[in-house]
Amino acid sequence: MNKNPRYDHLEQYKWQKGQSGNALGRPRSYVTILKELGYTKPLIATMTAEVMFMTHQEVETLANSKTEPIIRRIIANAFRSADYDGEFKYIEPYMKILFGRTIPYISKDGNNTSE
């Protein structure tokens, strides 16, 4: 605790004992929601692999389709978002299902080459 009187005005904003700063908890991932809806891991992996090998235009068409199953559209939208933003975070849950959890490789000189 800081005993500096300059910070006394912040005392009222401190967490009380037993109080959490994140009452709603961690948000559920797409994959968790899909599993709760009854989709199995192998089925999600198969659909992910199908989308992964589509062209940009095919993914775009699938994501905007009103006749495709919602699960395929969700996966296509994740890939489309990853493409637009250049962010791996959108497709990371699907890649973990398909390829498993990544393990960082530490070379003999101590450098982490997985980043």
Protein backbone atom coordinates (compact mmCIF):
# COMPACT_ATOMS: atom_id res chain seq x y z
CA MET A 1 0.00 0.00 0.00
CA ASN A 2 1.13 3.46 -0.79
CA LYS A 3 1.05 5.78 2.23
CA ASN A 4 1.67 8.90 0.17
CA PRO A 5 -1.07 11.46 0.95
CA ARG A 6 -1.19 12.48 -2.73
CA TYR A 7 -3.08 9.22 -3.43
CA ASP A 8 -5.65 9.44 -0.60
CA HIS A 9 -8.36 10.52 -3.03
CA LEU A 10 -8.03 7.14 -4.81
CA GLU A 11 -8.86 5.09 -1.67
CA GLN A 12 -12.57 5.04 -2.50
CA TYR A 13 -11.87 3.29 -5.84
CA LYS A 14 -9.90 0.35 -4.42
CA TRP A 15 -11.40 -3.13 -4.61
CA GLN A 16 -13.04 -4.35 -1.45
CA LYS A 17 -12.03 -7.74 -0.03
CA GLY A 18 -13.69 -10.50 -2.06
CA GLN A 19 -14.75 -8.11 -4.82
CA SER A 20 -13.79 -8.96 -8.37
CA GLY A 21 -12.85 -6.54 -11.12
CA ASN A 22 -14.34 -8.79 -13.78
CA ALA A 23 -17.80 -9.79 -12.60
CA LEU A 24 -18.83 -11.37 -15.91
CA GLY A 25 -15.66 -13.45 -16.19
CA ARG A 26 -13.75 -14.36 -19.30
CA PRO A 27 -15.81 -14.29 -22.51
CA ARG A 28 -16.55 -17.68 -24.04
CA SER A 29 -14.79 -18.55 -27.27
CA TYR A 30 -16.51 -19.47 -30.52
CA VAL A 31 -15.40 -23.06 -30.07
CA THR A 32 -16.92 -23.34 -26.60
CA ILE A 33 -20.23 -22.00 -27.87
CA LEU A 34 -20.17 -24.41 -30.83
CA LYS A 35 -19.48 -27.38 -28.56
CA GLU A 36 -22.43 -26.38 -26.38
CA LEU A 37 -24.60 -26.34 -29.52
CA GLY A 38 -23.65 -29.96 -30.20
CA TYR A 39 -20.91 -29.62 -32.81
CA THR A 40 -18.13 -32.13 -32.27
CA LYS A 41 -14.44 -31.35 -32.44
CA PRO A 42 -13.85 -33.51 -35.57
CA LEU A 43 -16.76 -31.82 -37.36
CA ILE A 44 -15.44 -28.34 -36.53
CA ALA A 45 -11.95 -29.43 -37.66
CA THR A 46 -13.31 -30.71 -40.99
CA MET A 47 -15.24 -27.51 -41.66
CA THR A 48 -12.22 -25.41 -40.69
CA ALA A 49 -10.00 -27.35 -43.09
CA GLU A 50 -12.52 -26.85 -45.89
CA VAL A 51 -12.61 -23.09 -45.36
CA MET A 52 -8.85 -22.90 -44.94
CA PHE A 53 -8.28 -24.13 -48.48
CA MET A 54 -10.85 -21.88 -50.14
CA THR A 55 -9.90 -18.88 -52.24
CA HIS A 56 -10.53 -15.38 -50.94
CA GLN A 57 -13.61 -15.04 -53.16
CA GLU A 58 -15.01 -18.40 -52.01
CA VAL A 59 -14.63 -17.42 -48.35
CA GLU A 60 -16.28 -14.07 -49.09
CA THR A 61 -19.22 -15.81 -50.83
CA LEU A 62 -19.59 -18.36 -48.01
CA ALA A 63 -19.50 -15.68 -45.30
CA ASN A 64 -22.26 -13.69 -47.02
CA SER A 65 -24.42 -16.69 -47.96
CA LYS A 66 -27.92 -16.93 -46.50
CA THR A 67 -28.35 -20.61 -47.45
CA GLU A 68 -25.22 -22.11 -45.87
CA PRO A 69 -25.31 -23.54 -42.33
CA ILE A 70 -24.45 -20.91 -39.74
CA ILE A 71 -21.44 -22.88 -38.49
CA ARG A 72 -19.74 -22.65 -41.88
CA ARG A 73 -20.57 -18.94 -42.08
CA ILE A 74 -19.09 -18.34 -38.60
CA ILE A 75 -15.84 -20.06 -39.55
CA ALA A 76 -15.73 -18.21 -42.90
CA ASN A 77 -16.28 -14.89 -41.12
CA ALA A 78 -13.42 -15.65 -38.73
CA PHE A 79 -11.10 -16.32 -41.67
CA ARG A 80 -12.35 -13.23 -43.47
CA SER A 81 -11.71 -11.07 -40.38
CA ALA A 82 -8.24 -12.57 -40.04
CA ASP A 83 -7.55 -11.73 -43.67
CA TYR A 84 -8.81 -8.13 -43.45
CA ASP A 85 -7.12 -7.27 -40.17
CA GLY A 86 -4.06 -9.48 -40.54
CA GLU A 87 -4.77 -10.88 -37.08
CA PHE A 88 -4.27 -14.52 -36.12
CA LYS A 89 -6.50 -14.12 -33.05
CA TYR A 90 -9.69 -14.58 -35.09
CA ILE A 91 -8.78 -18.04 -36.33
CA GLU A 92 -6.62 -19.21 -33.42
CA PRO A 93 -9.38 -21.31 -31.75
CA TYR A 94 -10.03 -23.13 -35.02
CA MET A 95 -6.33 -23.72 -35.66
CA LYS A 96 -5.98 -25.20 -32.17
CA ILE A 97 -8.76 -27.69 -32.96
CA LEU A 98 -7.20 -28.55 -36.30
CA PHE A 99 -3.52 -28.68 -35.35
CA GLY A 100 -3.50 -28.76 -31.55
CA ARG A 101 -1.96 -26.32 -29.14
CA THR A 102 1.24 -24.70 -30.36
CA ILE A 103 4.36 -25.33 -28.35
CA PRO A 104 7.02 -22.63 -28.54
CA TYR A 105 10.33 -23.85 -29.89
CA ILE A 106 13.37 -22.62 -27.98
CA SER A 107 16.55 -22.95 -30.01
CA LYS A 108 19.89 -23.98 -28.47
CA ASP A 109 20.96 -20.33 -28.27
CA GLY A 110 17.85 -19.58 -26.16
CA ASN A 111 15.82 -17.70 -28.78
CA ASN A 112 12.08 -18.31 -29.06
CA THR A 113 11.53 -18.95 -32.77
CA SER A 114 7.75 -19.45 -32.62
CA GLU A 115 6.99 -15.72 -32.51
